[in-house]
Protein backbone atom coordinates (compact mmCIF):
# COMPACT_ATOMS: atom_id res chain seq x y z
CA GLN A 1 14.10 42.37 24.19
CA THR A 2 14.20 46.04 22.09
CA LYS A 3 17.06 46.89 24.51
CA ILE A 4 19.28 43.61 24.10
CA VAL A 5 18.84 43.53 20.25
CA VAL A 6 19.80 47.01 19.83
CA GLU A 7 22.52 46.62 22.76
CA PHE A 8 23.73 44.18 20.61
CA PHE A 9 24.02 46.04 17.34
CA ILE A 10 26.22 48.56 19.36
CA ASN A 11 28.37 45.73 20.41
CA CYS A 12 28.89 44.78 16.97
CA ASP A 13 29.13 48.50 15.65
CA GLN A 14 32.43 49.18 18.17
CA HIS A 15 33.41 45.90 17.72
CA GLN A 16 34.08 46.30 13.91
CA ARG A 17 35.77 50.03 15.22
CA VAL A 18 38.06 48.67 17.43
CA CYS A 19 38.60 44.96 15.31
CA GLY A 20 38.39 45.28 11.95
CA GLY A 21 37.52 49.00 10.89
CA ALA A 22 35.26 50.11 9.15
CA ASP A 23 36.04 48.84 6.31
CA GLY A 24 34.80 44.92 6.30
CA ARG A 25 37.84 43.55 6.59
CA ALA A 26 38.64 41.49 9.78
CA GLY A 27 40.90 41.56 12.27
CA PRO A 28 42.39 38.26 13.50
CA LYS A 29 40.93 38.57 16.99
CA THR A 30 37.10 39.33 14.75
CA LYS A 31 35.71 36.08 15.57
CA MET A 32 36.49 35.62 19.02
CA SER A 33 35.18 38.97 20.01
CA PHE A 34 32.40 38.72 18.10
CA LEU A 35 31.77 35.21 20.08
CA ASN A 36 32.22 37.38 22.96
CA THR A 37 29.82 39.79 22.62
CA ALA A 38 27.41 37.30 20.96
CA ARG A 39 27.42 35.30 24.31
CA ARG A 40 27.02 38.61 26.25
CA MET A 41 23.62 39.37 24.61
CA VAL A 42 22.29 36.19 25.10
CA GLY A 43 23.58 36.15 28.48
CA LYS A 44 20.59 38.77 29.09
CA LEU A 45 17.89 37.31 28.07
CA PRO A 46 15.47 36.54 29.87
CA THR A 47 14.82 32.38 32.02
CA PRO A 48 12.38 31.00 34.20
CA ILE A 49 13.44 31.01 37.90
CA PHE A 50 17.01 31.70 37.99
CA GLY A 51 16.19 35.23 35.68
CA THR A 52 18.89 34.90 32.88
CA VAL A 53 20.55 32.50 30.46
CA GLU A 54 24.23 33.74 32.63
CA LEU A 55 22.89 32.68 36.41
CA ALA A 56 21.23 29.33 35.15
CA SER A 57 23.89 27.76 32.67
CA SER A 58 26.40 28.70 35.68
CA TYR A 59 24.42 27.32 37.94
CA VAL A 60 23.99 24.00 35.03
CA TRP A 61 27.66 24.49 34.99
CA ARG A 62 28.43 23.99 39.08
CA LYS A 63 26.62 21.68 39.41
CA ALA A 64 27.11 19.03 37.08
CA SER A 65 30.80 19.40 38.46
CA ALA A 66 29.49 17.84 41.49
CA THR A 67 28.37 15.04 39.62
CA PRO A 68 31.19 12.53 39.40
CA LYS A 69 30.97 12.42 43.54
CA PHE A 70 27.84 11.20 43.65
CA ALA A 71 27.95 8.93 40.39
CA GLY A 72 28.11 5.60 43.26
CA TRP A 73 24.59 6.76 44.04
CA ALA A 74 22.86 6.43 41.05
CA ALA A 75 21.44 3.24 41.15
CA PRO A 76 20.31 2.72 44.61
CA GLY A 77 18.61 6.21 43.93
CA VAL A 78 16.62 4.27 41.14
CA PHE A 79 16.16 1.76 43.02
CA GLY A 80 14.94 4.33 45.63
CA VAL A 81 12.60 6.09 43.89
CA LEU A 82 11.08 3.26 41.93
CA TRP A 83 10.25 2.03 45.22
CA PHE A 84 8.33 4.13 46.57
CA VAL A 85 6.59 5.46 42.84
CA TRP A 86 5.89 2.06 40.85
CA PRO A 87 3.41 0.77 43.61
CA ALA A 88 1.71 4.63 41.92
CA VAL A 89 1.52 3.48 38.93
CA ASP A 90 -1.86 2.56 37.01
CA ASP A 91 -2.01 -1.19 35.77
CA GLU A 92 -2.45 0.23 32.55
CA PHE A 93 0.24 2.06 31.68
CA LYS A 94 2.20 -1.02 33.06
CA ILE A 95 0.27 -3.38 30.34
CA SER A 96 1.45 -1.28 27.95
CA ILE A 97 5.18 -1.40 28.58
CA GLY A 98 4.86 -5.17 29.07
CA MET A 99 5.61 -5.59 32.35
CA LEU A 100 2.11 -7.21 32.91
CA LYS A 101 -0.10 -9.62 31.23
CA ASP A 102 -3.72 -7.96 30.21
CA PRO A 103 -6.46 -10.21 31.68
CA GLU A 104 -9.01 -8.34 29.37
CA ALA A 105 -6.88 -9.60 26.61
CA GLU A 106 -6.66 -13.58 27.63
CA LYS A 107 -10.44 -13.49 27.65
CA LYS A 108 -10.78 -11.45 24.53
CA ALA A 109 -8.37 -14.60 22.59
CA LYS A 110 -10.45 -17.11 24.32
CA GLU A 111 -14.13 -15.92 22.96
CA GLU A 112 -12.22 -15.10 19.61
CA ALA A 113 -10.86 -18.82 19.38
CA GLU A 114 -14.69 -20.19 20.33
CA GLU A 115 -16.12 -17.97 17.88
CA ALA A 116 -13.69 -19.29 15.30
CA ALA A 117 -14.27 -22.99 16.62
CA ALA A 118 -17.64 -21.90 16.25
CA ALA A 119 -17.77 -21.54 12.32
CA LEU A 120 -15.78 -23.93 11.68
CA LYS A 121 -17.50 -26.32 12.62
CA GLU A 122 -21.15 -24.38 11.02
CA ALA A 123 -18.73 -24.36 7.56
CA ALA A 124 -18.06 -28.61 8.17
CA GLU A 125 -21.79 -29.05 8.46
CA GLY A 126 -22.53 -26.99 5.65
CA LEU A 127 -19.85 -29.33 3.59
CA LYS A 128 -20.75 -32.05 5.27
CA ALA A 129 -24.56 -30.94 3.67
CA VAL A 130 -23.67 -30.68 0.59
CA ALA A 131 -21.20 -33.77 0.40
CA GLU A 132 -24.64 -35.96 1.41
CA ALA A 133 -26.82 -33.80 -1.10
CA ALA A 134 -24.45 -34.51 -4.21
CA ALA A 135 -24.28 -38.59 -2.79
CA ALA A 136 -27.81 -39.22 -2.94
CA LYS A 137 -28.22 -37.76 -6.25
CA ALA A 138 -25.82 -39.64 -8.07
CA VAL A 139 -27.21 -43.19 -5.73
CA GLU A 140 -30.66 -41.76 -7.10
CA PRO A 141 -32.11 -43.14 -10.90
CA GLU A 142 -32.34 -40.11 -12.92
CA PRO A 143 -35.90 -40.12 -14.36
CA GLU A 144 -36.86 -40.73 -17.88
CA ALA A 145 -36.81 -37.87 -19.42
CA GLU A 146 -39.97 -38.26 -21.84
CA PRO A 147 -38.17 -38.16 -25.26
CA GLU A 148 -38.69 -35.01 -26.94
CA PRO A 149 -40.80 -34.52 -29.48
CA GLU A 150 -38.74 -34.30 -33.09
CA PRO A 151 -39.58 -31.13 -34.46
CA GLU A 152 -42.17 -31.26 -37.49
CA PRO A 153 -39.91 -31.47 -40.85
CA GLU A 154 -40.83 -27.85 -42.72
CA PRO A 155 -42.45 -28.46 -45.68
CA GLU A 156 -40.43 -28.34 -48.99
CA PRO A 157 -40.84 -25.49 -51.58
CA GLU A 158 -42.27 -25.75 -54.56
CA PRO A 159 -40.00 -26.41 -57.31
CA GLU A 160 -39.94 -23.68 -59.51
CA PRO A 161 -41.07 -25.20 -62.79
CA GLU A 162 -38.58 -25.20 -65.57
CA PRO A 163 -38.87 -23.62 -68.39
CA GLU A 164 -39.98 -25.31 -71.54
CA PRO A 165 -37.18 -25.89 -74.21
CA THR A 166 -37.39 -24.53 -77.33
CA PRO A 167 -37.23 -26.61 -79.82
CA GLU A 168 -34.28 -26.56 -82.05
CA PRO A 169 -34.67 -25.41 -85.92
CA GLU A 170 -33.67 -28.78 -87.52
CA PRO A 171 -30.63 -28.04 -89.10
CA GLU A 172 -31.18 -27.95 -93.02
CA PRO A 173 -30.67 -31.24 -95.21
CA THR A 174 -27.33 -30.76 -97.26
CA PRO A 175 -27.66 -32.40 -100.13
CA GLU A 176 -25.37 -35.96 -101.18
CA PRO A 177 -23.07 -35.19 -103.27
CA GLU A 178 -23.87 -37.23 -106.71
CA PRO A 179 -21.66 -40.92 -107.38
CA GLU A 180 -19.47 -39.64 -109.85
CA PRO A 181 -19.58 -42.19 -112.12
CA THR A 182 -16.79 -44.47 -112.52
CA PRO A 183 -14.99 -45.49 -115.57
CA GLU A 184 -15.92 -49.10 -117.08
CA PRO A 185 -13.33 -51.06 -117.66
CA GLU A 186 -11.78 -51.26 -121.86
CA PRO A 187 -11.68 -54.98 -123.00
CA GLU A 188 -8.11 -56.19 -123.10
């Protein structure tokens, strides 16, 4: 493998000298000759059965070019292969691709339906029992409850003694003004 890589780089170096020069400028044939060099290098890679990639690709190309001659035999060939292979295919695979119905799935679905029906029946019975209990409670008169004893009144707090009023000092009597003497009328 290292030999192939080294050859690739050597060929690339020779390619630059011939087509593009060492200064890095590519000539008009650079891409084409580079692709040819790469194709030759990849063609030498090893592959199983055929030996190299080049031999494998040429074999596949020759067989593919002959395919149109046998296109009419495609459908009979598929049916012939299935005729022999289909009986050997396991039922689990046929069920997984939807070709057969799963008999166990039908049993499971039936069991789940029965379980759901049983759970629904239990729920209905529970609701019926609750409804009957509520109806019975509504019909029964409630026992008279003993009257609740009135709470004892809290003792009123004793009133605070009112402070004794202090006597107001009596105002001193003001002297009454003396009446002014009235003049006597003079006789006429």
